[in-house]
All heavy atoms as atom14 arrays in JSON, in Angstrom:
{
  "sequence": "KNIQAKGGLEKLRAIQSIKQTGRVSIQGIEGKQTLYAKRPNMLR",
  "atom14_mask": [
    [1, 1, 1, 1, 1, 1, 1, 1, 1, 0, 0, 0, 0, 0],
    [1, 1, 1, 1, 1, 1, 1, 1, 0, 0, 0, 0, 0, 0],
    [1, 1, 1, 1, 1, 1, 1, 1, 0, 0, 0, 0, 0, 0],
    [1, 1, 1, 1, 1, 1, 1, 1, 1, 0, 0, 0, 0, 0],
    [1, 1, 1, 1, 1, 0, 0, 0, 0, 0, 0, 0, 0, 0],
    [1, 1, 1, 1, 1, 1, 1, 1, 1, 0, 0, 0, 0, 0],
    [1, 1, 1, 1, 0, 0, 0, 0, 0, 0, 0, 0, 0, 0],
    [1, 1, 1, 1, 0, 0, 0, 0, 0, 0, 0, 0, 0, 0],
    [1, 1, 1, 1, 1, 1, 1, 1, 0, 0, 0, 0, 0, 0],
    [1, 1, 1, 1, 1, 1, 1, 1, 1, 0, 0, 0, 0, 0],
    [1, 1, 1, 1, 1, 1, 1, 1, 1, 0, 0, 0, 0, 0],
    [1, 1, 1, 1, 1, 1, 1, 1, 0, 0, 0, 0, 0, 0],
    [1, 1, 1, 1, 1, 1, 1, 1, 1, 1, 1, 0, 0, 0],
    [1, 1, 1, 1, 1, 0, 0, 0, 0, 0, 0, 0, 0, 0],
    [1, 1, 1, 1, 1, 1, 1, 1, 0, 0, 0, 0, 0, 0],
    [1, 1, 1, 1, 1, 1, 1, 1, 1, 0, 0, 0, 0, 0],
    [1, 1, 1, 1, 1, 1, 0, 0, 0, 0, 0, 0, 0, 0],
    [1, 1, 1, 1, 1, 1, 1, 1, 0, 0, 0, 0, 0, 0],
    [1, 1, 1, 1, 1, 1, 1, 1, 1, 0, 0, 0, 0, 0],
    [1, 1, 1, 1, 1, 1, 1, 1, 1, 0, 0, 0, 0, 0],
    [1, 1, 1, 1, 1, 1, 1, 0, 0, 0, 0, 0, 0, 0],
    [1, 1, 1, 1, 0, 0, 0, 0, 0, 0, 0, 0, 0, 0],
    [1, 1, 1, 1, 1, 1, 1, 1, 1, 1, 1, 0, 0, 0],
    [1, 1, 1, 1, 1, 1, 1, 0, 0, 0, 0, 0, 0, 0],
    [1, 1, 1, 1, 1, 1, 0, 0, 0, 0, 0, 0, 0, 0],
    [1, 1, 1, 1, 1, 1, 1, 1, 0, 0, 0, 0, 0, 0],
    [1, 1, 1, 1, 1, 1, 1, 1, 1, 0, 0, 0, 0, 0],
    [1, 1, 1, 1, 0, 0, 0, 0, 0, 0, 0, 0, 0, 0],
    [1, 1, 1, 1, 1, 1, 1, 1, 0, 0, 0, 0, 0, 0],
    [1, 1, 1, 1, 1, 1, 1, 1, 1, 0, 0, 0, 0, 0],
    [1, 1, 1, 1, 0, 0, 0, 0, 0, 0, 0, 0, 0, 0],
    [1, 1, 1, 1, 1, 1, 1, 1, 1, 0, 0, 0, 0, 0],
    [1, 1, 1, 1, 1, 1, 1, 1, 1, 0, 0, 0, 0, 0],
    [1, 1, 1, 1, 1, 1, 1, 0, 0, 0, 0, 0, 0, 0],
    [1, 1, 1, 1, 1, 1, 1, 1, 0, 0, 0, 0, 0, 0],
    [1, 1, 1, 1, 1, 1, 1, 1, 1, 1, 1, 1, 0, 0],
    [1, 1, 1, 1, 1, 0, 0, 0, 0, 0, 0, 0, 0, 0],
    [1, 1, 1, 1, 1, 1, 1, 1, 1, 0, 0, 0, 0, 0],
    [1, 1, 1, 1, 1, 1, 1, 1, 1, 1, 1, 0, 0, 0],
    [1, 1, 1, 1, 1, 1, 1, 0, 0, 0, 0, 0, 0, 0],
    [1, 1, 1, 1, 1, 1, 1, 1, 0, 0, 0, 0, 0, 0],
    [1, 1, 1, 1, 1, 1, 1, 1, 0, 0, 0, 0, 0, 0],
    [1, 1, 1, 1, 1, 1, 1, 1, 0, 0, 0, 0, 0, 0],
    [1, 1, 1, 1, 1, 1, 1, 1, 1, 1, 1, 0, 0, 0]
  ],
  "atom14_positions": [
    [[-13.78, -69.1, 8.48], [-14.23, -70.46, 8.76], [-15.74, -70.51, 8.9], [-16.39, -71.5, 8.5], [-13.55, -70.99, 10.02], [-12.07, -71.27, 9.83], [-11.45, -71.97, 11.02], [-9.99, -72.32, 10.75], [-9.39, -73.07, 11.87], [0.0, 0.0, 0.0], [0.0, 0.0, 0.0], [0.0, 0.0, 0.0], [0.0, 0.0, 0.0], [0.0, 0.0, 0.0]],
    [[-16.32, -69.47, 9.46], [-17.78, -69.4, 9.58], [-18.44, -69.36, 8.2], [-19.42, -70.07, 7.94], [-18.15, -68.17, 10.41], [-19.63, -67.85, 10.37], [-20.06, -66.91, 9.71], [-20.43, -68.63, 11.08], [0.0, 0.0, 0.0], [0.0, 0.0, 0.0], [0.0, 0.0, 0.0], [0.0, 0.0, 0.0], [0.0, 0.0, 0.0], [0.0, 0.0, 0.0]],
    [[-17.88, -68.53, 7.31], [-18.43, -68.42, 5.95], [-18.32, -69.75, 5.23], [-19.25, -70.2, 4.56], [-17.68, -67.32, 5.18], [-18.01, -65.94, 5.79], [-18.07, -67.34, 3.7], [-17.15, -64.82, 5.24], [0.0, 0.0, 0.0], [0.0, 0.0, 0.0], [0.0, 0.0, 0.0], [0.0, 0.0, 0.0], [0.0, 0.0, 0.0], [0.0, 0.0, 0.0]],
    [[-17.17, -70.41, 5.37], [-16.98, -71.7, 4.71], [-17.92, -72.75, 5.27], [-18.49, -73.57, 4.53], [-15.52, -72.16, 4.88], [-15.13, -73.32, 3.98], [-15.3, -73.01, 2.5], [-15.01, -71.9, 2.06], [-15.78, -73.98, 1.73], [0.0, 0.0, 0.0], [0.0, 0.0, 0.0], [0.0, 0.0, 0.0], [0.0, 0.0, 0.0], [0.0, 0.0, 0.0]],
    [[-18.13, -72.71, 6.6], [-19.01, -73.7, 7.24], [-20.45, -73.55, 6.78], [-21.2, -74.53, 6.69], [-18.93, -73.55, 8.76], [0.0, 0.0, 0.0], [0.0, 0.0, 0.0], [0.0, 0.0, 0.0], [0.0, 0.0, 0.0], [0.0, 0.0, 0.0], [0.0, 0.0, 0.0], [0.0, 0.0, 0.0], [0.0, 0.0, 0.0], [0.0, 0.0, 0.0]],
    [[-20.84, -72.32, 6.43], [-22.22, -72.08, 6.01], [-22.45, -72.39, 4.53], [-23.59, -72.38, 4.07], [-22.62, -70.64, 6.31], [-22.81, -70.37, 7.79], [-23.47, -69.04, 8.08], [-22.56, -67.88, 7.78], [-23.15, -66.59, 8.27], [0.0, 0.0, 0.0], [0.0, 0.0, 0.0], [0.0, 0.0, 0.0], [0.0, 0.0, 0.0], [0.0, 0.0, 0.0]],
    [[-21.36, -72.67, 3.8], [-21.51, -73.04, 2.4], [-20.54, -72.37, 1.46], [-20.47, -72.71, 0.29], [0.0, 0.0, 0.0], [0.0, 0.0, 0.0], [0.0, 0.0, 0.0], [0.0, 0.0, 0.0], [0.0, 0.0, 0.0], [0.0, 0.0, 0.0], [0.0, 0.0, 0.0], [0.0, 0.0, 0.0], [0.0, 0.0, 0.0], [0.0, 0.0, 0.0]],
    [[-19.8, -71.38, 1.97], [-18.83, -70.69, 1.13], [-19.4, -69.4, 0.57], [-20.6, -69.27, 0.33], [0.0, 0.0, 0.0], [0.0, 0.0, 0.0], [0.0, 0.0, 0.0], [0.0, 0.0, 0.0], [0.0, 0.0, 0.0], [0.0, 0.0, 0.0], [0.0, 0.0, 0.0], [0.0, 0.0, 0.0], [0.0, 0.0, 0.0], [0.0, 0.0, 0.0]],
    [[-18.52, -68.42, 0.37], [-18.95, -67.09, -0.04], [-19.65, -67.09, -1.4], [-20.63, -66.38, -1.61], [-17.74, -66.14, -0.07], [-18.06, -64.65, -0.2], [-18.96, -64.18, 0.93], [-16.76, -63.84, -0.24], [0.0, 0.0, 0.0], [0.0, 0.0, 0.0], [0.0, 0.0, 0.0], [0.0, 0.0, 0.0], [0.0, 0.0, 0.0], [0.0, 0.0, 0.0]],
    [[-19.17, -67.89, -2.34], [-19.77, -67.91, -3.68], [-21.23, -68.35, -3.63], [-22.1, -67.72, -4.26], [-18.96, -68.83, -4.6], [-19.45, -68.84, -6.03], [-18.59, -69.7, -6.94], [-17.53, -70.19, -6.51], [-19.0, -69.89, -8.11], [0.0, 0.0, 0.0], [0.0, 0.0, 0.0], [0.0, 0.0, 0.0], [0.0, 0.0, 0.0], [0.0, 0.0, 0.0]],
    [[-21.52, -69.41, -2.88], [-22.89, -69.89, -2.78], [-23.77, -68.9, -2.03], [-24.94, -68.68, -2.4], [-22.92, -71.26, -2.07], [-22.45, -72.41, -2.94], [-22.62, -73.73, -2.21], [-22.17, -74.89, -3.1], [-22.33, -76.19, -2.4], [0.0, 0.0, 0.0], [0.0, 0.0, 0.0], [0.0, 0.0, 0.0], [0.0, 0.0, 0.0], [0.0, 0.0, 0.0]],
    [[-23.22, -68.3, -0.98], [-23.99, -67.33, -0.2], [-24.33, -66.1, -1.04], [-25.44, -65.58, -0.98], [-23.22, -66.94, 1.06], [-23.04, -68.04, 2.11], [-22.05, -67.59, 3.19], [-24.36, -68.42, 2.74], [0.0, 0.0, 0.0], [0.0, 0.0, 0.0], [0.0, 0.0, 0.0], [0.0, 0.0, 0.0], [0.0, 0.0, 0.0], [0.0, 0.0, 0.0]],
    [[-23.35, -65.64, -1.83], [-23.58, -64.47, -2.67], [-24.61, -64.75, -3.77], [-25.27, -63.83, -4.26], [-22.26, -64.06, -3.32], [-21.23, -63.5, -2.38], [-21.58, -62.09, -1.97], [-20.45, -61.41, -1.4], [-20.51, -60.59, -0.36], [-21.68, -60.37, 0.23], [-19.44, -59.99, 0.1], [0.0, 0.0, 0.0], [0.0, 0.0, 0.0], [0.0, 0.0, 0.0]],
    [[-24.73, -66.0, -4.18], [-25.65, -66.35, -5.25], [-27.11, -66.28, -4.81], [-28.01, -66.25, -5.64], [-25.34, -67.75, -5.78], [0.0, 0.0, 0.0], [0.0, 0.0, 0.0], [0.0, 0.0, 0.0], [0.0, 0.0, 0.0], [0.0, 0.0, 0.0], [0.0, 0.0, 0.0], [0.0, 0.0, 0.0], [0.0, 0.0, 0.0], [0.0, 0.0, 0.0]],
    [[-27.34, -66.25, -3.5], [-28.7, -66.16, -2.99], [-29.16, -64.71, -3.02], [-28.53, -63.85, -2.4], [-28.78, -66.72, -1.55], [-28.33, -68.18, -1.52], [-30.2, -66.6, -1.01], [-28.21, -68.75, -0.12], [0.0, 0.0, 0.0], [0.0, 0.0, 0.0], [0.0, 0.0, 0.0], [0.0, 0.0, 0.0], [0.0, 0.0, 0.0], [0.0, 0.0, 0.0]],
    [[-30.22, -64.44, -3.72], [-30.76, -63.09, -3.85], [-32.03, -62.87, -3.02], [-32.36, -61.73, -2.68], [-31.05, -62.77, -5.31], [-29.82, -62.83, -6.21], [-28.76, -61.82, -5.8], [-29.04, -60.64, -5.6], [-27.52, -62.28, -5.67], [0.0, 0.0, 0.0], [0.0, 0.0, 0.0], [0.0, 0.0, 0.0], [0.0, 0.0, 0.0], [0.0, 0.0, 0.0]],
    [[-32.72, -63.95, -2.72], [-33.95, -63.83, -1.93], [-34.2, -65.14, -1.18], [-33.71, -66.2, -1.58], [-35.15, -63.49, -2.81], [-35.41, -64.55, -3.71], [0.0, 0.0, 0.0], [0.0, 0.0, 0.0], [0.0, 0.0, 0.0], [0.0, 0.0, 0.0], [0.0, 0.0, 0.0], [0.0, 0.0, 0.0], [0.0, 0.0, 0.0], [0.0, 0.0, 0.0]],
    [[-34.97, -65.03, -0.11], [-35.29, -66.2, 0.72], [-36.76, -66.13, 1.14], [-37.27, -65.06, 1.51], [-34.42, -66.26, 1.99], [-32.94, -66.41, 1.64], [-34.86, -67.41, 2.9], [-32.02, -66.33, 2.85], [0.0, 0.0, 0.0], [0.0, 0.0, 0.0], [0.0, 0.0, 0.0], [0.0, 0.0, 0.0], [0.0, 0.0, 0.0], [0.0, 0.0, 0.0]],
    [[-37.44, -67.27, 1.07], [-38.75, -67.41, 1.69], [-38.66, -68.57, 2.68], [-38.22, -69.66, 2.33], [-39.84, -67.7, 0.65], [-41.21, -67.88, 1.28], [-42.27, -68.25, 0.25], [-43.63, -68.46, 0.92], [-44.68, -68.86, -0.05], [0.0, 0.0, 0.0], [0.0, 0.0, 0.0], [0.0, 0.0, 0.0], [0.0, 0.0, 0.0], [0.0, 0.0, 0.0]],
    [[-39.05, -68.29, 3.92], [-38.95, -69.28, 4.98], [-40.28, -69.39, 5.7], [-40.91, -68.38, 6.02], [-37.86, -68.86, 5.97], [-37.74, -69.76, 7.2], [-36.68, -69.23, 8.15], [-35.5, -69.14, 7.8], [-37.1, -68.84, 9.35], [0.0, 0.0, 0.0], [0.0, 0.0, 0.0], [0.0, 0.0, 0.0], [0.0, 0.0, 0.0], [0.0, 0.0, 0.0]],
    [[-40.73, -70.61, 5.93], [-41.96, -70.83, 6.69], [-41.66, -71.71, 7.89], [-40.71, -72.5, 7.89], [-43.05, -71.49, 5.83], [-42.6, -72.81, 5.44], [-43.35, -70.68, 4.59], [0.0, 0.0, 0.0], [0.0, 0.0, 0.0], [0.0, 0.0, 0.0], [0.0, 0.0, 0.0], [0.0, 0.0, 0.0], [0.0, 0.0, 0.0], [0.0, 0.0, 0.0]],
    [[-42.5, -71.58, 8.91], [-42.28, -72.39, 10.08], [-43.36, -72.19, 11.13], [-44.31, -71.42, 10.96], [0.0, 0.0, 0.0], [0.0, 0.0, 0.0], [0.0, 0.0, 0.0], [0.0, 0.0, 0.0], [0.0, 0.0, 0.0], [0.0, 0.0, 0.0], [0.0, 0.0, 0.0], [0.0, 0.0, 0.0], [0.0, 0.0, 0.0], [0.0, 0.0, 0.0]],
    [[-43.2, -72.89, 12.23], [-44.09, -72.76, 13.38], [-43.44, -71.84, 14.4], [-42.22, -71.81, 14.56], [-44.35, -74.12, 14.01], [-45.18, -75.05, 13.12], [-45.36, -76.42, 13.74], [-44.13, -77.22, 13.64], [-43.38, -77.56, 14.66], [-43.69, -77.17, 15.89], [-42.3, -78.31, 14.5], [0.0, 0.0, 0.0], [0.0, 0.0, 0.0], [0.0, 0.0, 0.0]],
    [[-44.26, -71.07, 15.09], [-43.75, -70.14, 16.09], [-44.53, -70.32, 17.39], [-45.73, -70.59, 17.38], [-43.84, -68.68, 15.58], [-45.28, -68.27, 15.35], [-43.17, -67.71, 16.55], [0.0, 0.0, 0.0], [0.0, 0.0, 0.0], [0.0, 0.0, 0.0], [0.0, 0.0, 0.0], [0.0, 0.0, 0.0], [0.0, 0.0, 0.0], [0.0, 0.0, 0.0]],
    [[-43.81, -70.19, 18.49], [-44.42, -70.21, 19.81], [-43.99, -68.95, 20.54], [-42.8, -68.72, 20.74], [-43.98, -71.45, 20.6], [-44.48, -71.41, 21.93], [0.0, 0.0, 0.0], [0.0, 0.0, 0.0], [0.0, 0.0, 0.0], [0.0, 0.0, 0.0], [0.0, 0.0, 0.0], [0.0, 0.0, 0.0], [0.0, 0.0, 0.0], [0.0, 0.0, 0.0]],
    [[-44.96, -68.1, 20.89], [-44.66, -66.84, 21.57], [-45.4, -66.81, 22.9], [-46.63, -66.72, 22.93], [-45.07, -65.63, 20.7], [-44.31, -65.65, 19.37], [-44.8, -64.32, 21.45], [-44.72, -64.54, 18.42], [0.0, 0.0, 0.0], [0.0, 0.0, 0.0], [0.0, 0.0, 0.0], [0.0, 0.0, 0.0], [0.0, 0.0, 0.0], [0.0, 0.0, 0.0]],
    [[-44.65, -66.95, 23.97], [-45.22, -66.94, 25.32], [-46.4, -67.9, 25.43], [-47.46, -67.54, 25.96], [-45.61, -65.52, 25.72], [-44.41, -64.57, 25.77], [-44.77, -63.16, 26.15], [-45.94, -62.78, 26.16], [-43.76, -62.37, 26.48], [0.0, 0.0, 0.0], [0.0, 0.0, 0.0], [0.0, 0.0, 0.0], [0.0, 0.0, 0.0], [0.0, 0.0, 0.0]],
    [[-46.21, -69.1, 24.9], [-47.23, -70.14, 25.01], [-48.28, -70.14, 23.93], [-49.1, -71.07, 23.86], [0.0, 0.0, 0.0], [0.0, 0.0, 0.0], [0.0, 0.0, 0.0], [0.0, 0.0, 0.0], [0.0, 0.0, 0.0], [0.0, 0.0, 0.0], [0.0, 0.0, 0.0], [0.0, 0.0, 0.0], [0.0, 0.0, 0.0], [0.0, 0.0, 0.0]],
    [[-48.3, -69.13, 23.07], [-49.27, -69.08, 21.97], [-48.62, -69.63, 20.71], [-47.54, -69.19, 20.31], [-49.75, -67.63, 21.73], [-50.36, -67.04, 23.0], [-50.76, -67.6, 20.6], [-50.74, -65.59, 22.88], [0.0, 0.0, 0.0], [0.0, 0.0, 0.0], [0.0, 0.0, 0.0], [0.0, 0.0, 0.0], [0.0, 0.0, 0.0], [0.0, 0.0, 0.0]],
    [[-49.28, -70.6, 20.07], [-48.75, -71.24, 18.87], [-49.27, -70.56, 17.62], [-50.41, -70.08, 17.58], [-49.13, -72.73, 18.85], [-48.7, -73.51, 20.07], [-47.2, -73.62, 20.19], [-46.53, -73.76, 19.15], [-46.69, -73.58, 21.34], [0.0, 0.0, 0.0], [0.0, 0.0, 0.0], [0.0, 0.0, 0.0], [0.0, 0.0, 0.0], [0.0, 0.0, 0.0]],
    [[-48.43, -70.51, 16.6], [-48.86, -69.9, 15.36], [-47.96, -70.3, 14.19], [-47.12, -71.19, 14.31], [0.0, 0.0, 0.0], [0.0, 0.0, 0.0], [0.0, 0.0, 0.0], [0.0, 0.0, 0.0], [0.0, 0.0, 0.0], [0.0, 0.0, 0.0], [0.0, 0.0, 0.0], [0.0, 0.0, 0.0], [0.0, 0.0, 0.0], [0.0, 0.0, 0.0]],
    [[-48.15, -69.62, 13.08], [-47.38, -69.86, 11.86], [-46.57, -68.62, 11.51], [-47.02, -67.49, 11.73], [-48.31, -70.21, 10.7], [-48.98, -71.57, 10.82], [-48.01, -72.69, 10.48], [-48.7, -74.04, 10.4], [-47.76, -75.13, 10.04], [0.0, 0.0, 0.0], [0.0, 0.0, 0.0], [0.0, 0.0, 0.0], [0.0, 0.0, 0.0], [0.0, 0.0, 0.0]],
    [[-45.38, -68.84, 10.96], [-44.54, -67.72, 10.55], [-44.13, -67.88, 9.09], [-43.79, -68.98, 8.64], [-43.27, -67.66, 11.42], [-42.37, -66.48, 11.11], [-40.92, -66.89, 10.88], [-40.61, -67.96, 10.4], [-40.02, -66.01, 11.25], [0.0, 0.0, 0.0], [0.0, 0.0, 0.0], [0.0, 0.0, 0.0], [0.0, 0.0, 0.0], [0.0, 0.0, 0.0]],
    [[-44.17, -66.76, 8.36], [-43.62, -66.71, 7.01], [-42.69, -65.52, 6.95], [-43.06, -64.41, 7.32], [-44.72, -66.56, 5.95], [-45.65, -67.63, 6.07], [-44.11, -66.6, 4.56], [0.0, 0.0, 0.0], [0.0, 0.0, 0.0], [0.0, 0.0, 0.0], [0.0, 0.0, 0.0], [0.0, 0.0, 0.0], [0.0, 0.0, 0.0], [0.0, 0.0, 0.0]],
    [[-41.48, -65.75, 6.47], [-40.48, -64.69, 6.39], [-40.0, -64.55, 4.95], [-39.74, -65.55, 4.27], [-39.29, -65.0, 7.31], [-38.15, -63.99, 7.37], [-37.6, -63.88, 8.79], [-37.02, -64.35, 6.41], [0.0, 0.0, 0.0], [0.0, 0.0, 0.0], [0.0, 0.0, 0.0], [0.0, 0.0, 0.0], [0.0, 0.0, 0.0], [0.0, 0.0, 0.0]],
    [[-39.92, -63.29, 4.49], [-39.39, -62.97, 3.17], [-38.18, -62.06, 3.36], [-38.23, -61.09, 4.12], [-40.43, -62.23, 2.33], [-41.73, -62.97, 2.13], [-42.79, -62.79, 3.03], [-41.92, -63.83, 1.05], [-44.0, -63.45, 2.85], [-43.13, -64.49, 0.87], [-44.16, -64.3, 1.78], [-45.35, -64.96, 1.6], [0.0, 0.0, 0.0], [0.0, 0.0, 0.0]],
    [[-37.1, -62.34, 2.67], [-35.91, -61.5, 2.71], [-35.33, -61.37, 1.31], [-35.39, -62.31, 0.52], [-34.85, -62.1, 3.65], [0.0, 0.0, 0.0], [0.0, 0.0, 0.0], [0.0, 0.0, 0.0], [0.0, 0.0, 0.0], [0.0, 0.0, 0.0], [0.0, 0.0, 0.0], [0.0, 0.0, 0.0], [0.0, 0.0, 0.0], [0.0, 0.0, 0.0]],
    [[-34.82, -60.17, 1.02], [-34.29, -59.9, -0.31], [-33.12, -58.94, -0.21], [-33.13, -58.03, 0.64], [-35.4, -59.31, -1.19], [-35.06, -59.2, -2.66], [-36.3, -58.75, -3.46], [-36.01, -58.68, -4.95], [-37.21, -58.25, -5.72], [0.0, 0.0, 0.0], [0.0, 0.0, 0.0], [0.0, 0.0, 0.0], [0.0, 0.0, 0.0], [0.0, 0.0, 0.0]],
    [[-32.12, -59.16, -1.03], [-30.97, -58.25, -1.02], [-31.4, -56.84, -1.41], [-32.31, -56.68, -2.21], [-29.89, -58.74, -2.0], [-29.14, -59.95, -1.52], [-27.92, -60.22, -2.4], [-27.27, -61.44, -2.01], [-26.37, -61.51, -1.03], [-26.04, -60.43, -0.36], [-25.81, -62.67, -0.72], [0.0, 0.0, 0.0], [0.0, 0.0, 0.0], [0.0, 0.0, 0.0]],
    [[-30.72, -55.8, -0.86], [-29.59, -55.92, 0.07], [-30.03, -56.03, 1.54], [-29.34, -56.66, 2.34], [-28.81, -54.64, -0.16], [-29.86, -53.64, -0.53], [-30.89, -54.4, -1.32], [0.0, 0.0, 0.0], [0.0, 0.0, 0.0], [0.0, 0.0, 0.0], [0.0, 0.0, 0.0], [0.0, 0.0, 0.0], [0.0, 0.0, 0.0], [0.0, 0.0, 0.0]],
    [[-31.2, -55.44, 1.88], [-31.58, -55.43, 3.3], [-33.09, -55.27, 3.49], [-33.55, -54.53, 4.36], [-30.85, -54.31, 4.05], [-31.13, -52.94, 3.48], [-31.67, -52.81, 2.38], [-30.79, -51.91, 4.22], [0.0, 0.0, 0.0], [0.0, 0.0, 0.0], [0.0, 0.0, 0.0], [0.0, 0.0, 0.0], [0.0, 0.0, 0.0], [0.0, 0.0, 0.0]],
    [[-33.86, -55.98, 2.68], [-35.32, -55.91, 2.81], [-35.83, -57.16, 3.53], [-35.35, -58.28, 3.3], [-35.96, -55.79, 1.43], [-35.67, -54.45, 0.76], [-36.5, -54.23, -0.84], [-35.46, -55.25, -1.89], [0.0, 0.0, 0.0], [0.0, 0.0, 0.0], [0.0, 0.0, 0.0], [0.0, 0.0, 0.0], [0.0, 0.0, 0.0], [0.0, 0.0, 0.0]],
    [[-36.79, -56.93, 4.42], [-37.27, -58.01, 5.27], [-38.76, -57.85, 5.56], [-39.24, -56.73, 5.76], [-36.5, -58.01, 6.6], [-36.85, -59.09, 7.62], [-36.36, -60.45, 7.14], [-36.22, -58.75, 8.98], [0.0, 0.0, 0.0], [0.0, 0.0, 0.0], [0.0, 0.0, 0.0], [0.0, 0.0, 0.0], [0.0, 0.0, 0.0], [0.0, 0.0, 0.0]],
    [[-39.48, -58.95, 5.54], [-40.89, -58.95, 5.94], [-41.18, -60.25, 6.69], [-40.85, -61.34, 6.2], [-41.81, -58.84, 4.73], [-43.32, -58.86, 5.09], [-44.15, -58.9, 3.82], [-45.58, -59.03, 4.08], [-46.47, -58.03, 3.98], [-46.06, -56.82, 3.63], [-47.76, -58.23, 4.22], [0.0, 0.0, 0.0], [0.0, 0.0, 0.0], [0.0, 0.0, 0.0]]
  ]
}
């Protein structure tokens, strides 16, 4: 049910890489975040 709620296994498997940007707050300090992820288990 969790897999289906997130979009279904077929759609999730079709994703090979992700780039995500956003704002971050760490102990009161504001900044910017960029995240890169790629199959099978690479992260930056």
